[in-house]
Amino acid sequence: MKPDLDKLGALYKGSRSTLIADVDCTVAQNLCGKHGVNGYPSMKVQKKGSKRMEDYNGARDFGPMKKYVEQNLAGPECSLEDKEGCKPDELKILEESEVMSVGDRRAKIKEMEDQVKEKKAEAKKLEKEAKDMVGKLELFKLGGQKTEKVEQLLGDAEFREHCETRTCVLAFLPHILDGGAEVRKGLLNVVDKVFKKAKADGQPVGFMWLQGGDQFEIEEKLQLQFGFPAVIAINLKKEKYGVHRGIFDKDGLSGFLSSMMLGRVPLSPIPTGLAKWSKAVPWDGKDGEQPQEDL
């Protein structure tokens, strides 16, 4: 059968409508299994427009296989003998070549071969330029990436950059005048430990902090009037958020996050018309200054 199949393949080599091929199922086991090959040799055919292969149960000599292909698989081909198989633009070129003199046709073929060679060289150059540009693109992307850490929420753009595609934990900390730098650093240390544990556990969560009271309208809509520190987990894609109701320590926050990931935290829809996060001043790590009173 193999010699006849090879002969049939040679006959349809270069065909636009028919592919004759053989497969070594000891190598391409997944492909053969996908198409239900259970024994060898097996022959499968796939007709145009069909999404599945069918068994070929006819004779396996060259003549019968050729007849089957002609009647069931082969489509029209563009040639001098079969102009009906040509598309309009193909027919125009074919007939133009047909009436040329031998010398003119040879010159035209040489001209087109040179053009093909030039186009291939140009494509190779463009491919190299595109590859170089991809490298530069990746560097520009890297320039916008930072080492993952607990970030201060400084505005709406920073919030969306950090939290647009994942769940984010937002820690609302007391005003710097309520306890000073020492208290704030202690609270941030707790958040940082929870962040590191979440990262070690492979939880795809972002962490940000902000000063409570600076986003009054948002805090009010999120029902955080009970005071600070306060913690929420928010997911913009799902348009949901949950509020931590427990103790502000490593175990309490880690438990809240784990329960959130398991769907055990009551969630509320993000309020409609939630304002954008207003600009904040980056904390310098120092105590705050009491506002001067007018005398």
C-alpha atoms as a PDB file:
ATOM      1  CA  MET A   1       0.000   0.000   0.000  1.00  0.00           C
ATOM      2  CA  LYS A   2       2.811   2.437   0.853  1.00  0.00           C
ATOM      3  CA  PRO A   3       4.206   2.675  -2.709  1.00  0.00           C
ATOM      4  CA  ASP A   4       0.712   3.375  -4.094  1.00  0.00           C
ATOM      5  CA  LEU A   5       0.079   5.998  -1.415  1.00  0.00           C
ATOM      6  CA  ASP A   6       3.409   7.680  -2.197  1.00  0.00           C
ATOM      7  CA  LYS A   7       2.505   7.666  -5.894  1.00  0.00           C
ATOM      8  CA  LEU A   8      -0.834   9.289  -5.092  1.00  0.00           C
ATOM      9  CA  GLY A   9       0.926  11.865  -2.904  1.00  0.00           C
ATOM     10  CA  ALA A  10       3.328  12.730  -5.720  1.00  0.00           C
ATOM     11  CA  LEU A  11       0.378  13.180  -8.072  1.00  0.00           C
ATOM     12  CA  TYR A  12      -1.223  15.742  -5.754  1.00  0.00           C
ATOM     13  CA  LYS A  13       1.977  17.416  -4.601  1.00  0.00           C
ATOM     14  CA  GLY A  14       1.412  21.175  -4.702  1.00  0.00           C
ATOM     15  CA  SER A  15      -2.364  20.774  -4.932  1.00  0.00           C
ATOM     16  CA  ARG A  16      -4.357  23.606  -3.387  1.00  0.00           C
ATOM     17  CA  SER A  17      -7.351  21.418  -2.581  1.00  0.00           C
ATOM     18  CA  THR A  18      -5.937  18.024  -1.622  1.00  0.00           C
ATOM     19  CA  LEU A  19      -3.245  16.864   0.791  1.00  0.00           C
ATOM     20  CA  ILE A  20      -2.021  13.277   0.806  1.00  0.00           C
ATOM     21  CA  ALA A  21       0.087  12.452   3.848  1.00  0.00           C
ATOM     22  CA  ASP A  22       1.181   9.569   6.019  1.00  0.00           C
ATOM     23  CA  VAL A  23       1.663   9.592   9.796  1.00  0.00           C
ATOM     24  CA  ASP A  24       3.875   7.452  12.020  1.00  0.00           C
ATOM     25  CA  CYS A  25       1.519   6.692  14.909  1.00  0.00           C
ATOM     26  CA  THR A  26       4.351   5.379  17.076  1.00  0.00           C
ATOM     27  CA  VAL A  27       5.612   8.982  17.128  1.00  0.00           C
ATOM     28  CA  ALA A  28       2.438  11.078  16.738  1.00  0.00           C
ATOM     29  CA  GLN A  29       0.417   9.118  19.285  1.00  0.00           C
ATOM     30  CA  ASN A  30      -1.706  12.090  20.371  1.00  0.00           C
ATOM     31  CA  LEU A  31      -2.693  12.940  16.801  1.00  0.00           C
ATOM     32  CA  CYS A  32      -3.601   9.343  15.982  1.00  0.00           C
ATOM     33  CA  GLY A  33      -5.527   8.944  19.209  1.00  0.00           C
ATOM     34  CA  LYS A  34      -7.428  12.174  18.544  1.00  0.00           C
ATOM     35  CA  HIS A  35      -8.692  10.817  15.213  1.00  0.00           C
ATOM     36  CA  GLY A  36      -9.565   7.346  16.499  1.00  0.00           C
ATOM     37  CA  VAL A  37      -6.796   5.310  14.897  1.00  0.00           C
ATOM     38  CA  ASN A  38      -6.918   1.901  16.606  1.00  0.00           C
ATOM     39  CA  GLY A  39      -4.992  -0.296  14.189  1.00  0.00           C
ATOM     40  CA  TYR A  40      -2.380  -0.146  11.463  1.00  0.00           C
ATOM     41  CA  PRO A  41      -2.446   0.579   8.633  1.00  0.00           C
ATOM     42  CA  SER A  42      -5.497   2.861   8.845  1.00  0.00           C
ATOM     43  CA  MET A  43      -6.648   5.424   6.314  1.00  0.00           C
ATOM     44  CA  LYS A  44      -8.654   8.526   7.225  1.00  0.00           C
ATOM     45  CA  VAL A  45     -10.137  11.229   5.003  1.00  0.00           C
ATOM     46  CA  GLN A  46     -11.442  14.693   5.858  1.00  0.00           C
ATOM     47  CA  LYS A  47     -13.724  16.320   3.322  1.00  0.00           C
ATOM     48  CA  LYS A  48     -13.898  20.066   2.789  1.00  0.00           C
ATOM     49  CA  GLY A  49     -16.217  21.701   5.303  1.00  0.00           C
ATOM     50  CA  SER A  50     -16.123  18.741   7.680  1.00  0.00           C
ATOM     51  CA  LYS A  51     -14.632  19.040  11.170  1.00  0.00           C
ATOM     52  CA  ARG A  52     -13.953  15.328  11.598  1.00  0.00           C
ATOM     53  CA  MET A  53     -12.123  12.582   9.788  1.00  0.00           C
ATOM     54  CA  GLU A  54     -13.860   9.532   8.369  1.00  0.00           C
ATOM     55  CA  ASP A  55     -12.571   6.017   7.743  1.00  0.00           C
ATOM     56  CA  TYR A  56     -11.576   5.157   4.179  1.00  0.00           C
ATOM     57  CA  ASN A  57     -12.783   1.600   3.565  1.00  0.00           C
ATOM     58  CA  GLY A  58     -12.109   1.319  -0.169  1.00  0.00           C
ATOM     59  CA  ALA A  59      -9.426  -0.626  -2.026  1.00  0.00           C
ATOM     60  CA  ARG A  60      -5.866   0.461  -1.239  1.00  0.00           C
ATOM     61  CA  ASP A  61      -4.392   0.224  -4.730  1.00  0.00           C
ATOM     62  CA  PHE A  62      -3.394   3.342  -6.675  1.00  0.00           C
ATOM     63  CA  GLY A  63      -6.283   3.230  -9.158  1.00  0.00           C
ATOM     64  CA  PRO A  64      -9.168   2.981  -6.661  1.00  0.00           C
ATOM     65  CA  MET A  65      -7.583   5.500  -4.279  1.00  0.00           C
ATOM     66  CA  LYS A  66      -7.051   7.971  -7.144  1.00  0.00           C
ATOM     67  CA  LYS A  67     -10.651   7.553  -8.263  1.00  0.00           C
ATOM     68  CA  TYR A  68     -11.913   8.117  -4.707  1.00  0.00           C
ATOM     69  CA  VAL A  69      -9.873  11.318  -4.354  1.00  0.00           C
ATOM     70  CA  GLU A  70     -11.096  12.631  -7.709  1.00  0.00           C
ATOM     71  CA  GLN A  71     -14.723  11.954  -6.841  1.00  0.00           C
ATOM     72  CA  ASN A  72     -14.731  13.022  -3.183  1.00  0.00           C
ATOM     73  CA  LEU A  73     -11.784  15.233  -2.308  1.00  0.00           C
ATOM     74  CA  ALA A  74     -10.009  16.931  -5.188  1.00  0.00           C
ATOM     75  CA  GLY A  75     -11.201  20.414  -6.114  1.00  0.00           C
ATOM     76  CA  PRO A  76     -10.579  22.511  -9.207  1.00  0.00           C
ATOM     77  CA  GLU A  77      -6.971  23.533  -9.906  1.00  0.00           C
ATOM     78  CA  CYS A  78      -5.820  26.496 -11.951  1.00  0.00           C
ATOM     79  CA  SER A  79      -3.942  25.298 -15.064  1.00  0.00           C
ATOM     80  CA  LEU A  80      -4.018  25.519 -18.849  1.00  0.00           C
ATOM     81  CA  GLU A  81      -6.021  22.303 -18.830  1.00  0.00           C
ATOM     82  CA  ASP A  82      -8.453  23.457 -16.136  1.00  0.00           C
ATOM     83  CA  LYS A  83      -9.048  27.196 -16.420  1.00  0.00           C
ATOM     84  CA  GLU A  84     -12.378  26.806 -14.618  1.00  0.00           C
ATOM     85  CA  GLY A  85     -10.367  26.241 -11.450  1.00  0.00           C
ATOM     86  CA  CYS A  86      -8.741  29.674 -11.725  1.00  0.00           C
ATOM     87  CA  LYS A  87      -9.728  32.745  -9.790  1.00  0.00           C
ATOM     88  CA  PRO A  88     -10.238  35.866 -11.964  1.00  0.00           C
ATOM     89  CA  ASP A  89      -6.824  37.350 -11.119  1.00  0.00           C
ATOM     90  CA  GLU A  90      -5.109  33.984 -11.658  1.00  0.00           C
ATOM     91  CA  LEU A  91      -6.842  33.541 -15.030  1.00  0.00           C
ATOM     92  CA  LYS A  92      -5.677  36.999 -16.141  1.00  0.00           C
ATOM     93  CA  ILE A  93      -2.038  36.174 -15.374  1.00  0.00           C
ATOM     94  CA  LEU A  94      -2.265  32.713 -16.921  1.00  0.00           C
ATOM     95  CA  GLU A  95      -3.729  34.009 -20.178  1.00  0.00           C
ATOM     96  CA  GLU A  96      -1.218  36.888 -20.296  1.00  0.00           C
ATOM     97  CA  SER A  97       1.621  34.367 -20.014  1.00  0.00           C
ATOM     98  CA  GLU A  98      -0.003  32.051 -22.548  1.00  0.00           C
ATOM     99  CA  VAL A  99       0.181  34.604 -25.396  1.00  0.00           C
ATOM    100  CA  MET A 100       3.760  35.759 -24.639  1.00  0.00           C
ATOM    101  CA  SER A 101       6.704  34.763 -26.756  1.00  0.00           C
ATOM    102  CA  VAL A 102       9.212  32.374 -25.183  1.00  0.00           C
ATOM    103  CA  GLY A 103      11.746  35.176 -24.829  1.00  0.00           C
ATOM    104  CA  ASP A 104       9.276  37.601 -23.212  1.00  0.00           C
ATOM    105  CA  ARG A 105       8.035  34.931 -20.840  1.00  0.00           C
ATOM    106  CA  ARG A 106      11.580  34.006 -19.787  1.00  0.00           C
ATOM    107  CA  ALA A 107      12.393  37.686 -19.212  1.00  0.00           C
ATOM    108  CA  LYS A 108       9.210  38.147 -17.153  1.00  0.00           C
ATOM    109  CA  ILE A 109       9.957  35.053 -15.080  1.00  0.00           C
ATOM    110  CA  LYS A 110      13.515  36.286 -14.436  1.00  0.00           C
ATOM    111  CA  GLU A 111      12.168  39.722 -13.426  1.00  0.00           C
ATOM    112  CA  MET A 112       9.661  38.188 -11.015  1.00  0.00           C
ATOM    113  CA  GLU A 113      12.231  35.794  -9.540  1.00  0.00           C
ATOM    114  CA  ASP A 114      14.480  38.785  -8.817  1.00  0.00           C
ATOM    115  CA  GLN A 115      11.542  40.596  -7.206  1.00  0.00           C
ATOM    116  CA  VAL A 116      10.760  37.568  -5.049  1.00  0.00           C
ATOM    117  CA  LYS A 117      14.394  37.438  -3.963  1.00  0.00           C
ATOM    118  CA  GLU A 118      14.331  41.137  -3.045  1.00  0.00           C
ATOM    119  CA  LYS A 119      11.057  40.771  -1.144  1.00  0.00           C
ATOM    120  CA  LYS A 120      12.429  37.820   0.820  1.00  0.00           C
ATOM    121  CA  ALA A 121      15.527  39.837   1.743  1.00  0.00           C
ATOM    122  CA  GLU A 122      13.324  42.764   2.730  1.00  0.00           C
ATOM    123  CA  ALA A 123      11.083  40.477   4.803  1.00  0.00           C
ATOM    124  CA  LYS A 124      14.140  39.071   6.559  1.00  0.00           C
ATOM    125  CA  LYS A 125      15.314  42.597   7.354  1.00  0.00           C
ATOM    126  CA  LEU A 126      11.858  43.591   8.623  1.00  0.00           C
ATOM    127  CA  GLU A 127      11.703  40.439  10.745  1.00  0.00           C
ATOM    128  CA  LYS A 128      15.024  41.376  12.374  1.00  0.00           C
ATOM    129  CA  GLU A 129      13.823  44.954  12.965  1.00  0.00           C
ATOM    130  CA  ALA A 130      10.599  43.638  14.501  1.00  0.00           C
ATOM    131  CA  LYS A 131      12.577  41.296  16.761  1.00  0.00           C
ATOM    132  CA  ASP A 132      14.781  44.197  17.899  1.00  0.00           C
ATOM    133  CA  MET A 133      11.679  46.313  18.518  1.00  0.00           C
ATOM    134  CA  VAL A 134      10.116  43.541  20.632  1.00  0.00           C
ATOM    135  CA  GLY A 135      13.240  43.568  22.793  1.00  0.00           C
ATOM    136  CA  LYS A 136      12.999  47.339  23.267  1.00  0.00           C
ATOM    137  CA  LEU A 137       9.279  47.028  23.990  1.00  0.00           C
ATOM    138  CA  GLU A 138       9.953  44.559  26.795  1.00  0.00           C
ATOM    139  CA  LEU A 139      12.522  46.939  28.294  1.00  0.00           C
ATOM    140  CA  PHE A 140       9.995  49.788  28.260  1.00  0.00           C
ATOM    141  CA  LYS A 141       7.478  47.501  29.990  1.00  0.00           C
ATOM    142  CA  LEU A 142      10.075  46.537  32.591  1.00  0.00           C
ATOM    143  CA  GLY A 143      10.715  50.225  33.252  1.00  0.00           C
ATOM    144  CA  GLY A 144       7.164  50.534  34.553  1.00  0.00           C
ATOM    145  CA  GLN A 145       7.414  47.509  36.814  1.00  0.00           C
ATOM    146  CA  LYS A 146       8.510  47.693  40.418  1.00  0.00           C
ATOM    147  CA  THR A 147       9.501  45.130  42.977  1.00  0.00           C
ATOM    148  CA  GLU A 148       6.252  43.945  44.503  1.00  0.00           C
ATOM    149  CA  LYS A 149       5.642  45.551  47.893  1.00  0.00           C
ATOM    150  CA  VAL A 150       2.982  47.284  49.949  1.00  0.00           C
ATOM    151  CA  GLU A 151       2.383  50.526  48.071  1.00  0.00           C
ATOM    152  CA  GLN A 152       0.945  53.783  49.330  1.00  0.00           C
ATOM    153  CA  LEU A 153      -2.202  54.692  47.402  1.00  0.00           C
ATOM    154  CA  LEU A 154      -1.324  58.110  45.993  1.00  0.00           C
ATOM    155  CA  GLY A 155      -4.143  58.568  43.488  1.00  0.00           C
ATOM    156  CA  ASP A 156      -6.613  56.923  41.149  1.00  0.00           C
ATOM    157  CA  ALA A 157      -4.048  56.090  38.448  1.00  0.00           C
ATOM    158  CA  GLU A 158      -1.793  54.283  40.949  1.00  0.00           C
ATOM    159  CA  PHE A 159      -4.772  52.400  42.367  1.00  0.00           C
ATOM    160  CA  ARG A 160      -5.893  51.157  38.956  1.00  0.00           C
ATOM    161  CA  GLU A 161      -2.355  50.286  37.871  1.00  0.00           C
ATOM    162  CA  HIS A 162      -1.972  48.144  40.982  1.00  0.00           C
ATOM    163  CA  CYS A 163      -5.474  46.718  41.352  1.00  0.00           C
ATOM    164  CA  GLU A 164      -7.265  46.731  37.984  1.00  0.00           C
ATOM    165  CA  THR A 165      -6.654  43.056  37.198  1.00  0.00           C
ATOM    166  CA  ARG A 166      -6.621  41.413  40.628  1.00  0.00           C
ATOM    167  CA  THR A 167      -7.970  41.497  44.148  1.00  0.00           C
ATOM    168  CA  CYS A 168      -6.385  44.220  46.277  1.00  0.00           C
ATOM    169  CA  VAL A 169      -6.166  44.599  50.037  1.00  0.00           C
ATOM    170  CA  LEU A 170      -6.462  48.255  51.105  1.00  0.00           C
ATOM    171  CA  ALA A 171      -5.379  49.217  54.624  1.00  0.00           C
ATOM    172  CA  PHE A 172      -6.789  52.515  55.875  1.00  0.00           C
ATOM    173  CA  LEU A 173      -4.403  53.620  58.632  1.00  0.00           C
ATOM    174  CA  PRO A 174      -5.012  56.271  61.306  1.00  0.00           C
ATOM    175  CA  HIS A 175      -4.023  59.858  60.588  1.00  0.00           C
ATOM    176  CA  ILE A 176      -0.331  60.511  61.157  1.00  0.00           C
ATOM    177  CA  LEU A 177      -1.253  62.802  64.067  1.00  0.00           C
ATOM    178  CA  ASP A 178      -2.970  59.872  65.807  1.00  0.00           C
ATOM    179  CA  GLY A 179       0.067  58.028  67.131  1.00  0.00           C
ATOM    180  CA  GLY A 180       2.746  59.459  64.882  1.00  0.00           C
ATOM    181  CA  ALA A 181       5.373  57.671  62.830  1.00  0.00           C
ATOM    182  CA  GLU A 182       5.996  54.925  65.394  1.00  0.00           C
ATOM    183  CA  VAL A 183       2.403  53.718  65.390  1.00  0.00           C
ATOM    184  CA  ARG A 184       2.139  53.932  61.605  1.00  0.00           C
ATOM    185  CA  LYS A 185       5.345  51.966  61.087  1.00  0.00           C
ATOM    186  CA  GLY A 186       4.046  49.282  63.422  1.00  0.00           C
ATOM    187  CA  LEU A 187       0.806  48.966  61.478  1.00  0.00           C
ATOM    188  CA  LEU A 188       2.661  48.915  58.140  1.00  0.00           C
ATOM    189  CA  ASN A 189       4.889  46.186  59.522  1.00  0.00           C
ATOM    190  CA  VAL A 190       1.790  44.076  60.182  1.00  0.00           C
ATOM    191  CA  VAL A 191       0.503  44.672  56.638  1.00  0.00           C
ATOM    192  CA  ASP A 192       3.930  43.851  55.205  1.00  0.00           C
ATOM    193  CA  LYS A 193       4.023  40.507  57.039  1.00  0.00           C
ATOM    194  CA  VAL A 194       0.578  39.616  55.691  1.00  0.00           C
ATOM    195  CA  PHE A 195       1.691  40.640  52.196  1.00  0.00           C
ATOM    196  CA  LYS A 196       4.815  38.433  52.379  1.00  0.00           C
ATOM    197  CA  LYS A 197       2.793  35.472  53.630  1.00  0.00           C
ATOM    198  CA  ALA A 198       0.255  35.916  50.828  1.00  0.00           C
ATOM    199  CA  LYS A 199       3.052  36.067  48.278  1.00  0.00           C
ATOM    200  CA  ALA A 200       4.683  32.935  49.721  1.00  0.00           C
ATOM    201  CA  ASP A 201       1.310  31.155  49.581  1.00  0.00           C
ATOM    202  CA  GLY A 202       0.946  32.108  45.901  1.00  0.00           C
ATOM    203  CA  GLN A 203      -2.107  34.305  46.451  1.00  0.00           C
ATOM    204  CA  PRO A 204      -2.406  36.788  43.525  1.00  0.00           C
ATOM    205  CA  VAL A 205      -3.267  39.781  45.682  1.00  0.00           C
ATOM    206  CA  GLY A 206      -2.027  43.369  45.692  1.00  0.00           C
ATOM    207  CA  PHE A 207      -1.536  45.401  48.874  1.00  0.00           C
ATOM    208  CA  MET A 208      -1.893  49.165  49.299  1.00  0.00           C
ATOM    209  CA  TRP A 209      -2.260  51.500  52.240  1.00  0.00           C
ATOM    210  CA  LEU A 210      -3.603  55.008  52.685  1.00  0.00           C
ATOM    211  CA  GLN A 211      -4.313  57.475  55.434  1.00  0.00           C
ATOM    212  CA  GLY A 212      -7.819  57.124  56.819  1.00  0.00           C
ATOM    213  CA  GLY A 213      -9.965  60.205  56.503  1.00  0.00           C
ATOM    214  CA  ASP A 214      -8.257  61.474  53.346  1.00  0.00           C
ATOM    215  CA  GLN A 215     -10.825  59.779  51.090  1.00  0.00           C
ATOM    216  CA  PHE A 216     -13.917  60.700  53.095  1.00  0.00           C
ATOM    217  CA  GLU A 217     -16.488  60.259  50.301  1.00  0.00           C
ATOM    218  CA  ILE A 218     -15.156  56.838  49.316  1.00  0.00           C
ATOM    219  CA  GLU A 219     -14.811  55.715  52.938  1.00  0.00           C
ATOM    220  CA  GLU A 220     -18.390  56.716  53.616  1.00  0.00           C
ATOM    221  CA  LYS A 221     -19.728  54.752  50.609  1.00  0.00           C
ATOM    222  CA  LEU A 222     -17.664  51.724  51.663  1.00  0.00           C
ATOM    223  CA  GLN A 223     -19.170  52.019  55.164  1.00  0.00           C
ATOM    224  CA  LEU A 224     -15.867  52.469  57.000  1.00  0.00           C
ATOM    225  CA  GLN A 225     -17.183  54.941  59.567  1.00  0.00           C
ATOM    226  CA  PHE A 226     -16.248  52.573  62.429  1.00  0.00           C
ATOM    227  CA  GLY A 227     -12.723  54.028  62.572  1.00  0.00           C
ATOM    228  CA  PHE A 228      -9.167  53.223  61.648  1.00  0.00           C
ATOM    229  CA  PRO A 229      -7.239  51.081  61.055  1.00  0.00           C
ATOM    230  CA  ALA A 230      -9.692  49.466  58.640  1.00  0.00           C
ATOM    231  CA  VAL A 231      -9.077  46.897  55.915  1.00  0.00           C
ATOM    232  CA  ILE A 232     -11.021  45.933  52.815  1.00  0.00           C
ATOM    233  CA  ALA A 233     -10.421  43.554  49.910  1.00  0.00           C
ATOM    234  CA  ILE A 234     -11.691  44.846  46.576  1.00  0.00           C
ATOM    235  CA  ASN A 235     -11.945  43.343  43.101  1.00  0.00           C
ATOM    236  CA  LEU A 236     -12.741  45.793  40.306  1.00  0.00           C
ATOM    237  CA  LYS A 237     -13.438  43.107  37.691  1.00  0.00           C
ATOM    238  CA  LYS A 238     -16.007  41.365  39.877  1.00  0.00           C
ATOM    239  CA  GLU A 239     -17.213  44.747  41.198  1.00  0.00           C
ATOM    240  CA  LYS A 240     -17.239  43.380  44.750  1.00  0.00           C
ATOM    241  CA  TYR A 241     -15.573  44.208  48.040  1.00  0.00           C
ATOM    242  CA  GLY A 242     -15.432  42.778  51.548  1.00  0.00           C
ATOM    243  CA  VAL A 243     -14.634  44.418  54.895  1.00  0.00           C
ATOM    244  CA  HIS A 244     -12.373  42.923  57.573  1.00  0.00           C
ATOM    245  CA  ARG A 245     -14.290  42.845  60.843  1.00  0.00           C
ATOM    246  CA  GLY A 246     -11.622  41.266  63.039  1.00  0.00           C
ATOM    247  CA  ILE A 247      -8.407  42.226  64.806  1.00  0.00           C
ATOM    248  CA  PHE A 248      -5.731  44.202  62.972  1.00  0.00           C
ATOM    249  CA  ASP A 249      -2.813  41.785  63.366  1.00  0.00           C
ATOM    250  CA  LYS A 250      -1.000  39.283  61.176  1.00  0.00           C
ATOM    251  CA  ASP A 251      -3.210  36.311  62.046  1.00  0.00           C
ATOM    252  CA  GLY A 252      -6.424  38.303  61.792  1.00  0.00           C
ATOM    253  CA  LEU A 253      -5.595  39.829  58.406  1.00  0.00           C
ATOM    254  CA  SER A 254      -4.186  36.581  57.003  1.00  0.00           C
ATOM    255  CA  GLY A 255      -7.340  34.774  58.111  1.00  0.00           C
ATOM    256  CA  PHE A 256      -9.484  37.447  56.465  1.00  0.00           C
ATOM    257  CA  LEU A 257      -7.567  37.099  53.204  1.00  0.00           C
ATOM    258  CA  SER A 258      -7.725  33.288  53.228  1.00  0.00           C
ATOM    259  CA  SER A 259     -11.459  33.379  53.944  1.00  0.00           C
ATOM    260  CA  MET A 260     -11.879  35.895  51.141  1.00  0.00           C
ATOM    261  CA  MET A 261     -10.105  33.603  48.663  1.00  0.00           C
ATOM    262  CA  LEU A 262     -12.345  30.706  49.756  1.00  0.00           C
ATOM    263  CA  GLY A 263     -15.518  32.764  49.375  1.00  0.00           C
ATOM    264  CA  ARG A 264     -16.306  32.834  53.095  1.00  0.00           C
ATOM    265  CA  VAL A 265     -16.324  36.628  53.484  1.00  0.00           C
ATOM    266  CA  PRO A 266     -19.630  38.448  52.877  1.00  0.00           C
ATOM    267  CA  LEU A 267     -19.213  40.609  49.795  1.00  0.00           C
ATOM    268  CA  SER A 268     -20.986  43.769  48.761  1.00  0.00           C
ATOM    269  CA  PRO A 269     -21.236  45.344  45.311  1.00  0.00           C
ATOM    270  CA  ILE A 270     -18.902  48.287  44.794  1.00  0.00           C
ATOM    271  CA  PRO A 271     -21.160  51.343  45.198  1.00  0.00           C
ATOM    272  CA  THR A 272     -22.207  52.924  41.937  1.00  0.00           C
ATOM    273  CA  GLY A 273     -20.713  56.318  41.250  1.00  0.00           C
ATOM    274  CA  LEU A 274     -17.752  55.686  43.529  1.00  0.00           C
ATOM    275  CA  ALA A 275     -15.498  58.723  43.265  1.00  0.00           C
ATOM    276  CA  LYS A 276     -11.959  58.555  41.961  1.00  0.00           C
ATOM    277  CA  TRP A 277      -9.244  58.306  44.572  1.00  0.00           C
ATOM    278  CA  SER A 278      -7.931  61.790  45.172  1.00  0.00           C
ATOM    279  CA  LYS A 279      -4.238  62.679  45.098  1.00  0.00           C
ATOM    280  CA  ALA A 280      -2.278  62.055  48.289  1.00  0.00           C
ATOM    281  CA  VAL A 281       1.111  63.273  49.492  1.00  0.00           C
ATOM    282  CA  PRO A 282       3.739  60.515  49.778  1.00  0.00           C
ATOM    283  CA  TRP A 283       4.563  59.858  53.418  1.00  0.00           C
ATOM    284  CA  ASP A 284       8.142  60.838  54.322  1.00  0.00           C
ATOM    285  CA  GLY A 285       8.352  58.412  57.234  1.00  0.00           C
ATOM    286  CA  LYS A 286       8.261  61.181  59.834  1.00  0.00           C
ATOM    287  CA  ASP A 287       5.808  62.386  62.462  1.00  0.00           C
ATOM    288  CA  GLY A 288       3.174  64.808  61.284  1.00  0.00           C
ATOM    289  CA  GLU A 289       3.166  68.461  62.167  1.00  0.00           C
ATOM    290  CA  GLN A 290       0.292  69.956  64.071  1.00  0.00           C
ATOM    291  CA  PRO A 291      -1.506  72.632  62.021  1.00  0.00           C
ATOM    292  CA  GLN A 292      -0.767  76.158  63.144  1.00  0.00           C
ATOM    293  CA  GLU A 293      -3.748  77.932  64.675  1.00  0.00           C
ATOM    294  CA  ASP A 294      -4.459  81.489  63.673  1.00  0.00           C
ATOM    295  CA  LEU A 295      -4.113  83.906  66.603  1.00  0.00           C
END
